[in-house]
Amino acid sequence: MAEKLEDLNLPLTVVTRIVKEALPSGVSISKEARTGLAKAASVLVLYVTSAATNIVKNKKRKALTGQDVIDAMKDIEFDRFVEPLGEALEHYKTMASARKSASTKKKDEQEDAEIIEDD
């Protein structure tokens, strides 16, 4: 677990980058507002994680999955985020699968090249 309370906060640089991407061009945000957003985001992440952990415990499992997070969002009545999160999870799975396939294909090609060189 975290040694200090500050260890539970999201990195300010990451939050700043996300906020800047979401704001229209020419709009700036104060350091105080960035810090407040970072703390609020950290609290939200901890709250959702706690709810998802409860789901995992109730199902007598040890691993927390993306679907557990989506179910937790439903449980804590953040229904408006369920569909976008589901879409993001599917996109992530698709990208991870494509990355794995590409890696496997590259590895197979390297092995084939090594076999040819050995002949």
PDB file of N, CA and C in Angstrom:
ATOM      1  N   MET A   1       0.833  -1.182   0.000  1.00  0.00           N
ATOM      2  CA  MET A   1       0.000   0.000   0.000  1.00  0.00           C
ATOM      3  C   MET A   1       0.878   1.247   0.000  1.00  0.00           C
ATOM      4  N   ALA A   2       0.283   2.367  -0.129  1.00  0.00           N
ATOM      5  CA  ALA A   2       1.018   3.632  -0.199  1.00  0.00           C
ATOM      6  C   ALA A   2       1.633   3.969   1.153  1.00  0.00           C
ATOM      7  N   GLU A   3       2.864   4.463   1.100  1.00  0.00           N
ATOM      8  CA  GLU A   3       3.544   4.847   2.325  1.00  0.00           C
ATOM      9  C   GLU A   3       3.046   6.192   2.843  1.00  0.00           C
ATOM     10  N   LYS A   4       2.792   7.119   1.905  1.00  0.00           N
ATOM     11  CA  LYS A   4       2.311   8.454   2.272  1.00  0.00           C
ATOM     12  C   LYS A   4       0.988   8.707   1.552  1.00  0.00           C
ATOM     13  N   LEU A   5       0.194   9.583   2.108  1.00  0.00           N
ATOM     14  CA  LEU A   5      -1.088   9.928   1.511  1.00  0.00           C
ATOM     15  C   LEU A   5      -0.910  10.514   0.111  1.00  0.00           C
ATOM     16  N   GLU A   6       0.168  11.269  -0.088  1.00  0.00           N
ATOM     17  CA  GLU A   6       0.435  11.882  -1.390  1.00  0.00           C
ATOM     18  C   GLU A   6       0.701  10.836  -2.473  1.00  0.00           C
ATOM     19  N   ASP A   7       1.134   9.639  -2.061  1.00  0.00           N
ATOM     20  CA  ASP A   7       1.418   8.574  -3.027  1.00  0.00           C
ATOM     21  C   ASP A   7       0.149   8.107  -3.745  1.00  0.00           C
ATOM     22  N   LEU A   8      -1.002   8.406  -3.173  1.00  0.00           N
ATOM     23  CA  LEU A   8      -2.265   7.998  -3.768  1.00  0.00           C
ATOM     24  C   LEU A   8      -2.766   8.977  -4.831  1.00  0.00           C
ATOM     25  N   ASN A   9      -2.128  10.136  -4.933  1.00  0.00           N
ATOM     26  CA  ASN A   9      -2.552  11.140  -5.910  1.00  0.00           C
ATOM     27  C   ASN A   9      -2.037  10.793  -7.300  1.00  0.00           C
ATOM     28  N   LEU A  10      -2.840  11.139  -8.298  1.00  0.00           N
ATOM     29  CA  LEU A  10      -2.402  10.974  -9.676  1.00  0.00           C
ATOM     30  C   LEU A  10      -1.314  12.008  -9.965  1.00  0.00           C
ATOM     31  N   PRO A  11      -0.393  11.682 -10.861  1.00  0.00           N
ATOM     32  CA  PRO A  11       0.670  12.638 -11.189  1.00  0.00           C
ATOM     33  C   PRO A  11       0.091  13.915 -11.800  1.00  0.00           C
ATOM     34  N   LEU A  12       0.527  15.048 -11.302  1.00  0.00           N
ATOM     35  CA  LEU A  12       0.020  16.342 -11.758  1.00  0.00           C
ATOM     36  C   LEU A  12       0.301  16.561 -13.245  1.00  0.00           C
ATOM     37  N   THR A  13       1.427  16.067 -13.729  1.00  0.00           N
ATOM     38  CA  THR A  13       1.748  16.260 -15.151  1.00  0.00           C
ATOM     39  C   THR A  13       0.762  15.523 -16.050  1.00  0.00           C
ATOM     40  N   VAL A  14       0.352  14.340 -15.644  1.00  0.00           N
ATOM     41  CA  VAL A  14      -0.607  13.567 -16.431  1.00  0.00           C
ATOM     42  C   VAL A  14      -1.957  14.270 -16.438  1.00  0.00           C
ATOM     43  N   VAL A  15      -2.400  14.705 -15.276  1.00  0.00           N
ATOM     44  CA  VAL A  15      -3.678  15.409 -15.177  1.00  0.00           C
ATOM     45  C   VAL A  15      -3.642  16.692 -15.998  1.00  0.00           C
ATOM     46  N   THR A  16      -2.541  17.414 -15.935  1.00  0.00           N
ATOM     47  CA  THR A  16      -2.390  18.658 -16.703  1.00  0.00           C
ATOM     48  C   THR A  16      -2.505  18.381 -18.197  1.00  0.00           C
ATOM     49  N   ARG A  17      -1.858  17.322 -18.665  1.00  0.00           N
ATOM     50  CA  ARG A  17      -1.912  16.982 -20.090  1.00  0.00           C
ATOM     51  C   ARG A  17      -3.340  16.647 -20.516  1.00  0.00           C
ATOM     52  N   ILE A  18      -4.049  15.881 -19.709  1.00  0.00           N
ATOM     53  CA  ILE A  18      -5.435  15.516 -20.026  1.00  0.00           C
ATOM     54  C   ILE A  18      -6.331  16.746 -20.044  1.00  0.00           C
ATOM     55  N   VAL A  19      -6.151  17.616 -19.063  1.00  0.00           N
ATOM     56  CA  VAL A  19      -6.964  18.829 -18.980  1.00  0.00           C
ATOM     57  C   VAL A  19      -6.693  19.731 -20.183  1.00  0.00           C
ATOM     58  N   LYS A  20      -5.437  19.902 -20.541  1.00  0.00           N
ATOM     59  CA  LYS A  20      -5.095  20.759 -21.688  1.00  0.00           C
ATOM     60  C   LYS A  20      -5.697  20.219 -22.975  1.00  0.00           C
ATOM     61  N   GLU A  21      -5.746  18.892 -23.129  1.00  0.00           N
ATOM     62  CA  GLU A  21      -6.350  18.299 -24.319  1.00  0.00           C
ATOM     63  C   GLU A  21      -7.860  18.530 -24.351  1.00  0.00           C
ATOM     64  N   ALA A  22      -8.480  18.603 -23.182  1.00  0.00           N
ATOM     65  CA  ALA A  22      -9.929  18.759 -23.104  1.00  0.00           C
ATOM     66  C   ALA A  22     -10.379  20.210 -23.253  1.00  0.00           C
ATOM     67  N   LEU A  23      -9.506  21.155 -22.922  1.00  0.00           N
ATOM     68  CA  LEU A  23      -9.865  22.564 -22.987  1.00  0.00           C
ATOM     69  C   LEU A  23      -9.731  23.106 -24.406  1.00  0.00           C
ATOM     70  N   PRO A  24     -10.559  24.087 -24.754  1.00  0.00           N
ATOM     71  CA  PRO A  24     -10.385  24.732 -26.068  1.00  0.00           C
ATOM     72  C   PRO A  24      -9.047  25.463 -26.119  1.00  0.00           C
ATOM     73  N   SER A  25      -8.530  25.644 -27.333  1.00  0.00           N
ATOM     74  CA  SER A  25      -7.246  26.333 -27.460  1.00  0.00           C
ATOM     75  C   SER A  25      -7.377  27.775 -26.966  1.00  0.00           C
ATOM     76  N   GLY A  26      -6.333  28.253 -26.352  1.00  0.00           N
ATOM     77  CA  GLY A  26      -6.319  29.608 -25.832  1.00  0.00           C
ATOM     78  C   GLY A  26      -6.822  29.716 -24.401  1.00  0.00           C
ATOM     79  N   VAL A  27      -7.334  28.622 -23.847  1.00  0.00           N
ATOM     80  CA  VAL A  27      -7.827  28.632 -22.468  1.00  0.00           C
ATOM     81  C   VAL A  27      -6.761  27.995 -21.590  1.00  0.00           C
ATOM     82  N   SER A  28      -6.424  28.674 -20.522  1.00  0.00           N
ATOM     83  CA  SER A  28      -5.422  28.133 -19.601  1.00  0.00           C
ATOM     84  C   SER A  28      -6.089  27.798 -18.276  1.00  0.00           C
ATOM     85  N   ILE A  29      -5.380  27.042 -17.464  1.00  0.00           N
ATOM     86  CA  ILE A  29      -5.904  26.619 -16.165  1.00  0.00           C
ATOM     87  C   ILE A  29      -4.840  26.920 -15.113  1.00  0.00           C
ATOM     88  N   SER A  30      -5.286  27.436 -13.998  1.00  0.00           N
ATOM     89  CA  SER A  30      -4.337  27.811 -12.946  1.00  0.00           C
ATOM     90  C   SER A  30      -3.766  26.572 -12.271  1.00  0.00           C
ATOM     91  N   LYS A  31      -2.627  26.767 -11.624  1.00  0.00           N
ATOM     92  CA  LYS A  31      -1.984  25.666 -10.907  1.00  0.00           C
ATOM     93  C   LYS A  31      -2.903  25.153  -9.802  1.00  0.00           C
ATOM     94  N   GLU A  32      -3.587  26.059  -9.145  1.00  0.00           N
ATOM     95  CA  GLU A  32      -4.514  25.680  -8.073  1.00  0.00           C
ATOM     96  C   GLU A  32      -5.640  24.793  -8.613  1.00  0.00           C
ATOM     97  N   ALA A  33      -6.176  25.150  -9.779  1.00  0.00           N
ATOM     98  CA  ALA A  33      -7.244  24.357 -10.384  1.00  0.00           C
ATOM     99  C   ALA A  33      -6.716  22.988 -10.823  1.00  0.00           C
ATOM    100  N   ARG A  34      -5.510  22.939 -11.381  1.00  0.00           N
ATOM    101  CA  ARG A  34      -4.919  21.651 -11.781  1.00  0.00           C
ATOM    102  C   ARG A  34      -4.743  20.752 -10.574  1.00  0.00           C
ATOM    103  N   THR A  35      -4.270  21.329  -9.480  1.00  0.00           N
ATOM    104  CA  THR A  35      -4.080  20.549  -8.256  1.00  0.00           C
ATOM    105  C   THR A  35      -5.415  20.027  -7.744  1.00  0.00           C
ATOM    106  N   GLY A  36      -6.429  20.871  -7.760  1.00  0.00           N
ATOM    107  CA  GLY A  36      -7.763  20.448  -7.328  1.00  0.00           C
ATOM    108  C   GLY A  36      -8.323  19.334  -8.196  1.00  0.00           C
ATOM    109  N   LEU A  37      -8.145  19.456  -9.516  1.00  0.00           N
ATOM    110  CA  LEU A  37      -8.602  18.411 -10.428  1.00  0.00           C
ATOM    111  C   LEU A  37      -7.847  17.104 -10.197  1.00  0.00           C
ATOM    112  N   ALA A  38      -6.545  17.206  -9.957  1.00  0.00           N
ATOM    113  CA  ALA A  38      -5.746  16.008  -9.713  1.00  0.00           C
ATOM    114  C   ALA A  38      -6.215  15.292  -8.454  1.00  0.00           C
ATOM    115  N   LYS A  39      -6.505  16.056  -7.412  1.00  0.00           N
ATOM    116  CA  LYS A  39      -6.980  15.447  -6.167  1.00  0.00           C
ATOM    117  C   LYS A  39      -8.366  14.841  -6.343  1.00  0.00           C
ATOM    118  N   ALA A  40      -9.239  15.549  -7.064  1.00  0.00           N
ATOM    119  CA  ALA A  40     -10.587  15.031  -7.314  1.00  0.00           C
ATOM    120  C   ALA A  40     -10.529  13.750  -8.149  1.00  0.00           C
ATOM    121  N   ALA A  41      -9.669  13.742  -9.162  1.00  0.00           N
ATOM    122  CA  ALA A  41      -9.516  12.545  -9.991  1.00  0.00           C
ATOM    123  C   ALA A  41      -8.977  11.377  -9.172  1.00  0.00           C
ATOM    124  N   SER A  42      -8.047  11.670  -8.273  1.00  0.00           N
ATOM    125  CA  SER A  42      -7.493  10.625  -7.415  1.00  0.00           C
ATOM    126  C   SER A  42      -8.563  10.031  -6.513  1.00  0.00           C
ATOM    127  N   VAL A  43      -9.402  10.888  -5.957  1.00  0.00           N
ATOM    128  CA  VAL A  43     -10.485  10.415  -5.088  1.00  0.00           C
ATOM    129  C   VAL A  43     -11.455   9.542  -5.891  1.00  0.00           C
ATOM    130  N   LEU A  44     -11.785   9.979  -7.114  1.00  0.00           N
ATOM    131  CA  LEU A  44     -12.684   9.199  -7.952  1.00  0.00           C
ATOM    132  C   LEU A  44     -12.085   7.829  -8.258  1.00  0.00           C
ATOM    133  N   VAL A  45     -10.822   7.793  -8.618  1.00  0.00           N
ATOM    134  CA  VAL A  45     -10.164   6.520  -8.927  1.00  0.00           C
ATOM    135  C   VAL A  45     -10.180   5.603  -7.705  1.00  0.00           C
ATOM    136  N   LEU A  46      -9.880   6.144  -6.538  1.00  0.00           N
ATOM    137  CA  LEU A  46      -9.891   5.331  -5.318  1.00  0.00           C
ATOM    138  C   LEU A  46     -11.299   4.831  -4.996  1.00  0.00           C
ATOM    139  N   TYR A  47     -12.301   5.663  -5.202  1.00  0.00           N
ATOM    140  CA  TYR A  47     -13.691   5.295  -4.943  1.00  0.00           C
ATOM    141  C   TYR A  47     -14.137   4.167  -5.875  1.00  0.00           C
ATOM    142  N   VAL A  48     -13.851   4.304  -7.156  1.00  0.00           N
ATOM    143  CA  VAL A  48     -14.229   3.275  -8.126  1.00  0.00           C
ATOM    144  C   VAL A  48     -13.453   1.991  -7.849  1.00  0.00           C
ATOM    145  N   THR A  49     -12.172   2.114  -7.523  1.00  0.00           N
ATOM    146  CA  THR A  49     -11.360   0.938  -7.209  1.00  0.00           C
ATOM    147  C   THR A  49     -11.915   0.204  -5.998  1.00  0.00           C
ATOM    148  N   SER A  50     -12.331   0.947  -4.994  1.00  0.00           N
ATOM    149  CA  SER A  50     -12.915   0.336  -3.799  1.00  0.00           C
ATOM    150  C   SER A  50     -14.203  -0.415  -4.142  1.00  0.00           C
ATOM    151  N   ALA A  51     -15.053   0.201  -4.949  1.00  0.00           N
ATOM    152  CA  ALA A  51     -16.304  -0.451  -5.354  1.00  0.00           C
ATOM    153  C   ALA A  51     -16.018  -1.694  -6.195  1.00  0.00           C
ATOM    154  N   ALA A  52     -15.047  -1.615  -7.094  1.00  0.00           N
ATOM    155  CA  ALA A  52     -14.688  -2.762  -7.928  1.00  0.00           C
ATOM    156  C   ALA A  52     -14.080  -3.880  -7.080  1.00  0.00           C
ATOM    157  N   THR A  53     -13.291  -3.512  -6.094  1.00  0.00           N
ATOM    158  CA  THR A  53     -12.702  -4.499  -5.194  1.00  0.00           C
ATOM    159  C   THR A  53     -13.787  -5.240  -4.422  1.00  0.00           C
ATOM    160  N   ASN A  54     -14.815  -4.523  -4.008  1.00  0.00           N
ATOM    161  CA  ASN A  54     -15.932  -5.177  -3.320  1.00  0.00           C
ATOM    162  C   ASN A  54     -16.623  -6.185  -4.226  1.00  0.00           C
ATOM    163  N   ILE A  55     -16.770  -5.850  -5.492  1.00  0.00           N
ATOM    164  CA  ILE A  55     -17.382  -6.775  -6.456  1.00  0.00           C
ATOM    165  C   ILE A  55     -16.529  -8.037  -6.571  1.00  0.00           C
ATOM    166  N   VAL A  56     -15.227  -7.851  -6.679  1.00  0.00           N
ATOM    167  CA  VAL A  56     -14.310  -8.984  -6.805  1.00  0.00           C
ATOM    168  C   VAL A  56     -14.395  -9.875  -5.570  1.00  0.00           C
ATOM    169  N   LYS A  57     -14.408  -9.255  -4.390  1.00  0.00           N
ATOM    170  CA  LYS A  57     -14.495 -10.032  -3.150  1.00  0.00           C
ATOM    171  C   LYS A  57     -15.809 -10.796  -3.068  1.00  0.00           C
ATOM    172  N   ASN A  58     -16.916 -10.151  -3.470  1.00  0.00           N
ATOM    173  CA  ASN A  58     -18.213 -10.824  -3.430  1.00  0.00           C
ATOM    174  C   ASN A  58     -18.277 -12.010  -4.386  1.00  0.00           C
ATOM    175  N   LYS A  59     -17.536 -11.933  -5.482  1.00  0.00           N
ATOM    176  CA  LYS A  59     -17.491 -13.036  -6.446  1.00  0.00           C
ATOM    177  C   LYS A  59     -16.400 -14.050  -6.085  1.00  0.00           C
ATOM    178  N   LYS A  60     -15.729 -13.809  -4.959  1.00  0.00           N
ATOM    179  CA  LYS A  60     -14.665 -14.677  -4.455  1.00  0.00           C
ATOM    180  C   LYS A  60     -13.564 -14.903  -5.491  1.00  0.00           C
ATOM    181  N   ARG A  61     -13.132 -13.799  -6.074  1.00  0.00           N
ATOM    182  CA  ARG A  61     -12.020 -13.821  -7.018  1.00  0.00           C
ATOM    183  C   ARG A  61     -10.899 -12.964  -6.466  1.00  0.00           C
ATOM    184  N   LYS A  62      -9.747 -13.045  -7.091  1.00  0.00           N
ATOM    185  CA  LYS A  62      -8.607 -12.254  -6.628  1.00  0.00           C
ATOM    186  C   LYS A  62      -8.206 -11.177  -7.614  1.00  0.00           C
ATOM    187  N   ALA A  63      -8.528 -11.365  -8.886  1.00  0.00           N
ATOM    188  CA  ALA A  63      -8.107 -10.420  -9.917  1.00  0.00           C
ATOM    189  C   ALA A  63      -9.238  -9.460 -10.267  1.00  0.00           C
ATOM    190  N   LEU A  64      -8.915  -8.192 -10.328  1.00  0.00           N
ATOM    191  CA  LEU A  64      -9.869  -7.151 -10.706  1.00  0.00           C
ATOM    192  C   LEU A  64      -9.757  -6.940 -12.214  1.00  0.00           C
ATOM    193  N   THR A  65     -10.889  -6.988 -12.913  1.00  0.00           N
ATOM    194  CA  THR A  65     -10.882  -6.849 -14.368  1.00  0.00           C
ATOM    195  C   THR A  65     -11.526  -5.535 -14.790  1.00  0.00           C
ATOM    196  N   GLY A  66     -11.412  -5.235 -16.061  1.00  0.00           N
ATOM    197  CA  GLY A  66     -12.049  -4.042 -16.604  1.00  0.00           C
ATOM    198  C   GLY A  66     -13.560  -4.105 -16.445  1.00  0.00           C
ATOM    199  N   GLN A  67     -14.126  -5.291 -16.619  1.00  0.00           N
ATOM    200  CA  GLN A  67     -15.573  -5.441 -16.454  1.00  0.00           C
ATOM    201  C   GLN A  67     -15.988  -5.162 -15.011  1.00  0.00           C
ATOM    202  N   ASP A  68     -15.141  -5.483 -14.046  1.00  0.00           N
ATOM    203  CA  ASP A  68     -15.429  -5.171 -12.644  1.00  0.00           C
ATOM    204  C   ASP A  68     -15.517  -3.660 -12.435  1.00  0.00           C
ATOM    205  N   VAL A  69     -14.651  -2.926 -13.107  1.00  0.00           N
ATOM    206  CA  VAL A  69     -14.679  -1.464 -13.003  1.00  0.00           C
ATOM    207  C   VAL A  69     -15.978  -0.925 -13.591  1.00  0.00           C
ATOM    208  N   ILE A  70     -16.382  -1.475 -14.735  1.00  0.00           N
ATOM    209  CA  ILE A  70     -17.639  -1.044 -15.355  1.00  0.00           C
ATOM    210  C   ILE A  70     -18.822  -1.375 -14.444  1.00  0.00           C
ATOM    211  N   ASP A  71     -18.818  -2.567 -13.867  1.00  0.00           N
ATOM    212  CA  ASP A  71     -19.884  -2.943 -12.929  1.00  0.00           C
ATOM    213  C   ASP A  71     -19.890  -2.032 -11.702  1.00  0.00           C
ATOM    214  N   ALA A  72     -18.703  -1.643 -11.250  1.00  0.00           N
ATOM    215  CA  ALA A  72     -18.601  -0.732 -10.102  1.00  0.00           C
ATOM    216  C   ALA A  72     -19.195   0.625 -10.450  1.00  0.00           C
ATOM    217  N   MET A  73     -18.953   1.091 -11.663  1.00  0.00           N
ATOM    218  CA  MET A  73     -19.521   2.376 -12.091  1.00  0.00           C
ATOM    219  C   MET A  73     -21.050   2.320 -12.059  1.00  0.00           C
ATOM    220  N   LYS A  74     -21.614   1.184 -12.431  1.00  0.00           N
ATOM    221  CA  LYS A  74     -23.069   1.014 -12.337  1.00  0.00           C
ATOM    222  C   LYS A  74     -23.509   1.048 -10.873  1.00  0.00           C
ATOM    223  N   ASP A  75     -22.774   0.325 -10.024  1.00  0.00           N
ATOM    224  CA  ASP A  75     -23.127   0.249  -8.598  1.00  0.00           C
ATOM    225  C   ASP A  75     -23.092   1.605  -7.912  1.00  0.00           C
ATOM    226  N   ILE A  76     -22.139   2.444  -8.275  1.00  0.00           N
ATOM    227  CA  ILE A  76     -22.032   3.753  -7.616  1.00  0.00           C
ATOM    228  C   ILE A  76     -22.811   4.828  -8.377  1.00  0.00           C
ATOM    229  N   GLU A  77     -23.652   4.354  -9.306  1.00  0.00           N
ATOM    230  CA  GLU A  77     -24.588   5.209 -10.041  1.00  0.00           C
ATOM    231  C   GLU A  77     -23.916   6.251 -10.919  1.00  0.00           C
ATOM    232  N   PHE A  78     -22.852   5.825 -11.587  1.00  0.00           N
ATOM    233  CA  PHE A  78     -22.198   6.649 -12.596  1.00  0.00           C
ATOM    234  C   PHE A  78     -22.548   6.069 -13.963  1.00  0.00           C
ATOM    235  N   ASP A  79     -23.828   5.834 -14.162  1.00  0.00           N
ATOM    236  CA  ASP A  79     -24.322   5.147 -15.354  1.00  0.00           C
ATOM    237  C   ASP A  79     -23.932   5.839 -16.656  1.00  0.00           C
ATOM    238  N   ARG A  80     -23.839   7.139 -16.647  1.00  0.00           N
ATOM    239  CA  ARG A  80     -23.528   7.846 -17.890  1.00  0.00           C
ATOM    240  C   ARG A  80     -22.128   7.542 -18.408  1.00  0.00           C
ATOM    241  N   PHE A  81     -21.273   6.966 -17.561  1.00  0.00           N
ATOM    242  CA  PHE A  81     -19.917   6.630 -17.973  1.00  0.00           C
ATOM    243  C   PHE A  81     -19.773   5.171 -18.396  1.00  0.00           C
ATOM    244  N   VAL A  82     -20.800   4.371 -18.150  1.00  0.00           N
ATOM    245  CA  VAL A  82     -20.704   2.933 -18.413  1.00  0.00           C
ATOM    246  C   VAL A  82     -20.501   2.643 -19.905  1.00  0.00           C
ATOM    247  N   GLU A  83     -21.298   3.237 -20.755  1.00  0.00           N
ATOM    248  CA  GLU A  83     -21.170   2.973 -22.195  1.00  0.00           C
ATOM    249  C   GLU A  83     -19.821   3.434 -22.752  1.00  0.00           C
ATOM    250  N   PRO A  84     -19.389   4.677 -22.462  1.00  0.00           N
ATOM    251  CA  PRO A  84     -18.065   5.075 -22.973  1.00  0.00           C
ATOM    252  C   PRO A  84     -16.929   4.208 -22.425  1.00  0.00           C
ATOM    253  N   LEU A  85     -17.036   3.784 -21.172  1.00  0.00           N
ATOM    254  CA  LEU A  85     -16.004   2.920 -20.603  1.00  0.00           C
ATOM    255  C   LEU A  85     -16.002   1.559 -21.273  1.00  0.00           C
ATOM    256  N   GLY A  86     -17.198   1.035 -21.556  1.00  0.00           N
ATOM    257  CA  GLY A  86     -17.298  -0.244 -22.249  1.00  0.00           C
ATOM    258  C   GLY A  86     -16.667  -0.168 -23.630  1.00  0.00           C
ATOM    259  N   GLU A  87     -16.930   0.924 -24.330  1.00  0.00           N
ATOM    260  CA  GLU A  87     -16.336   1.116 -25.655  1.00  0.00           C
ATOM    261  C   GLU A  87     -14.814   1.233 -25.560  1.00  0.00           C
ATOM    262  N   ALA A  88     -14.337   1.960 -24.564  1.00  0.00           N
ATOM    263  CA  ALA A  88     -12.893   2.117 -24.378  1.00  0.00           C
ATOM    264  C   ALA A  88     -12.249   0.772 -24.032  1.00  0.00           C
ATOM    265  N   LEU A  89     -12.921  -0.038 -23.223  1.00  0.00           N
ATOM    266  CA  LEU A  89     -12.399  -1.352 -22.867  1.00  0.00           C
ATOM    267  C   LEU A  89     -12.314  -2.244 -24.100  1.00  0.00           C
ATOM    268  N   GLU A  90     -13.336  -2.230 -24.933  1.00  0.00           N
ATOM    269  CA  GLU A  90     -13.311  -3.026 -26.160  1.00  0.00           C
ATOM    270  C   GLU A  90     -12.202  -2.553 -27.101  1.00  0.00           C
ATOM    271  N   HIS A  91     -12.045  -1.244 -27.211  1.00  0.00           N
ATOM    272  CA  HIS A  91     -10.977  -0.687 -28.048  1.00  0.00           C
ATOM    273  C   HIS A  91      -9.610  -1.128 -27.526  1.00  0.00           C
ATOM    274  N   TYR A  92      -9.434  -1.078 -26.221  1.00  0.00           N
ATOM    275  CA  TYR A  92      -8.174  -1.501 -25.610  1.00  0.00           C
ATOM    276  C   TYR A  92      -7.912  -2.976 -25.908  1.00  0.00           C
ATOM    277  N   LYS A  93      -8.932  -3.818 -25.748  1.00  0.00           N
ATOM    278  CA  LYS A  93      -8.764  -5.251 -26.002  1.00  0.00           C
ATOM    279  C   LYS A  93      -8.391  -5.503 -27.464  1.00  0.00           C
ATOM    280  N   THR A  94      -9.021  -4.768 -28.365  1.00  0.00           N
ATOM    281  CA  THR A  94      -8.722  -4.912 -29.788  1.00  0.00           C
ATOM    282  C   THR A  94      -7.275  -4.513 -30.068  1.00  0.00           C
ATOM    283  N   MET A  95      -6.862  -3.388 -29.505  1.00  0.00           N
ATOM    284  CA  MET A  95      -5.492  -2.911 -29.721  1.00  0.00           C
ATOM    285  C   MET A  95      -4.473  -3.879 -29.103  1.00  0.00           C
ATOM    286  N   ALA A  96      -4.762  -4.393 -27.927  1.00  0.00           N
ATOM    287  CA  ALA A  96      -3.845  -5.325 -27.271  1.00  0.00           C
ATOM    288  C   ALA A  96      -3.731  -6.615 -28.076  1.00  0.00           C
ATOM    289  N   SER A  97      -4.854  -7.070 -28.602  1.00  0.00           N
ATOM    290  CA  SER A  97      -4.855  -8.282 -29.415  1.00  0.00           C
ATOM    291  C   SER A  97      -4.058  -8.067 -30.701  1.00  0.00           C
ATOM    292  N   ALA A  98      -4.240  -6.927 -31.337  1.00  0.00           N
ATOM    293  CA  ALA A  98      -3.504  -6.610 -32.566  1.00  0.00           C
ATOM    294  C   ALA A  98      -2.014  -6.511 -32.280  1.00  0.00           C
ATOM    295  N   ARG A  99      -1.666  -5.893 -31.169  1.00  0.00           N
ATOM    296  CA  ARG A  99      -0.260  -5.756 -30.787  1.00  0.00           C
ATOM    297  C   ARG A  99       0.362  -7.127 -30.545  1.00  0.00           C
ATOM    298  N   LYS A 100      -0.396  -8.009 -29.868  1.00  0.00           N
ATOM    299  CA  LYS A 100       0.096  -9.349 -29.577  1.00  0.00           C
ATOM    300  C   LYS A 100       0.270 -10.140 -30.871  1.00  0.00           C
ATOM    301  N   SER A 101      -0.688 -10.013 -31.776  1.00  0.00           N
ATOM    302  CA  SER A 101      -0.600 -10.708 -33.065  1.00  0.00           C
ATOM    303  C   SER A 101       0.606 -10.231 -33.857  1.00  0.00           C
ATOM    304  N   ALA A 102       0.830  -8.930 -33.861  1.00  0.00           N
ATOM    305  CA  ALA A 102       1.977  -8.374 -34.580  1.00  0.00           C
ATOM    306  C   ALA A 102       3.282  -8.865 -33.975  1.00  0.00           C
ATOM    307  N   SER A 103       3.324  -8.927 -32.657  1.00  0.00           N
ATOM    308  CA  SER A 103       4.524  -9.391 -31.968  1.00  0.00           C
ATOM    309  C   SER A 103       4.780 -10.863 -32.274  1.00  0.00           C
ATOM    310  N   THR A 104       3.729 -11.666 -32.254  1.00  0.00           N
ATOM    311  CA  THR A 104       3.860 -13.092 -32.553  1.00  0.00           C
ATOM    312  C   THR A 104       4.305 -13.298 -33.993  1.00  0.00           C
ATOM    313  N   LYS A 105       3.733 -12.525 -34.913  1.00  0.00           N
ATOM    314  CA  LYS A 105       4.092 -12.628 -36.324  1.00  0.00           C
ATOM    315  C   LYS A 105       5.562 -12.258 -36.523  1.00  0.00           C
ATOM    316  N   LYS A 106       5.991 -11.187 -35.861  1.00  0.00           N
ATOM    317  CA  LYS A 106       7.383 -10.747 -35.980  1.00  0.00           C
ATOM    318  C   LYS A 106       8.320 -11.813 -35.414  1.00  0.00           C
ATOM    319  N   LYS A 107       7.949 -12.406 -34.284  1.00  0.00           N
ATOM    320  CA  LYS A 107       8.769 -13.445 -33.666  1.00  0.00           C
ATOM    321  C   LYS A 107       8.868 -14.663 -34.589  1.00  0.00           C
ATOM    322  N   ASP A 108       7.737 -15.060 -35.202  1.00  0.00           N
ATOM    323  CA  ASP A 108       7.735 -16.189 -36.135  1.00  0.00           C
ATOM    324  C   ASP A 108       8.629 -15.908 -37.334  1.00  0.00           C
ATOM    325  N   GLU A 109       8.582 -14.686 -37.849  1.00  0.00           N
ATOM    326  CA  GLU A 109       9.424 -14.310 -38.990  1.00  0.00           C
ATOM    327  C   GLU A 109      10.904 -14.367 -38.622  1.00  0.00           C
ATOM    328  N   GLN A 110      11.229 -13.943 -37.398  1.00  0.00           N
ATOM    329  CA  GLN A 110      12.622 -13.987 -36.954  1.00  0.00           C
ATOM    330  C   GLN A 110      13.089 -15.431 -36.814  1.00  0.00           C
ATOM    331  N   GLU A 111      12.219 -16.301 -36.286  1.00  0.00           N
ATOM    332  CA  GLU A 111      12.575 -17.713 -36.142  1.00  0.00           C
ATOM    333  C   GLU A 111      12.770 -18.350 -37.514  1.00  0.00           C
ATOM    334  N   ASP A 112      11.902 -18.007 -38.467  1.00  0.00           N
ATOM    335  CA  ASP A 112      12.037 -18.530 -39.815  1.00  0.00           C
ATOM    336  C   ASP A 112      13.351 -18.068 -40.431  1.00  0.00           C
ATOM    337  N   ALA A 113      13.715 -16.829 -40.215  1.00  0.00           N
ATOM    338  CA  ALA A 113      14.967 -16.290 -40.749  1.00  0.00           C
ATOM    339  C   ALA A 113      16.165 -17.006 -40.125  1.00  0.00           C
ATOM    340  N   GLU A 114      16.096 -17.321 -38.834  1.00  0.00           N
ATOM    341  CA  GLU A 114      17.186 -18.030 -38.153  1.00  0.00           C
ATOM    342  C   GLU A 114      17.324 -19.440 -38.711  1.00  0.00           C
ATOM    343  N   ILE A 115      16.201 -20.110 -38.991  1.00  0.00           N
ATOM    344  CA  ILE A 115      16.248 -21.465 -39.532  1.00  0.00           C
ATOM    345  C   ILE A 115      16.887 -21.447 -40.903  1.00  0.00           C
ATOM    346  N   ILE A 116      16.536 -20.469 -41.723  1.00  0.00           N
ATOM    347  CA  ILE A 116      17.112 -20.347 -43.051  1.00  0.00           C
ATOM    348  C   ILE A 116      18.614 -20.108 -42.964  1.00  0.00           C
ATOM    349  N   GLU A 117      19.048 -19.284 -42.028  1.00  0.00           N
ATOM    350  CA  GLU A 117      20.473 -18.986 -41.863  1.00  0.00           C
ATOM    351  C   GLU A 117      21.229 -20.218 -41.405  1.00  0.00           C
ATOM    352  N   ASP A 118      20.598 -21.089 -40.607  1.00  0.00           N
ATOM    353  CA  ASP A 118      21.266 -22.298 -40.098  1.00  0.00           C
ATOM    354  C   ASP A 118      21.490 -23.318 -41.198  1.00  0.00           C
ATOM    355  N   ASP A 119      20.651 -23.312 -42.215  1.00  0.00           N
ATOM    356  CA  ASP A 119      20.779 -24.305 -43.304  1.00  0.00           C
ATOM    357  C   ASP A 119      22.007 -24.043 -44.065  1.00  0.00           C
TER     358      ASP A 119
END
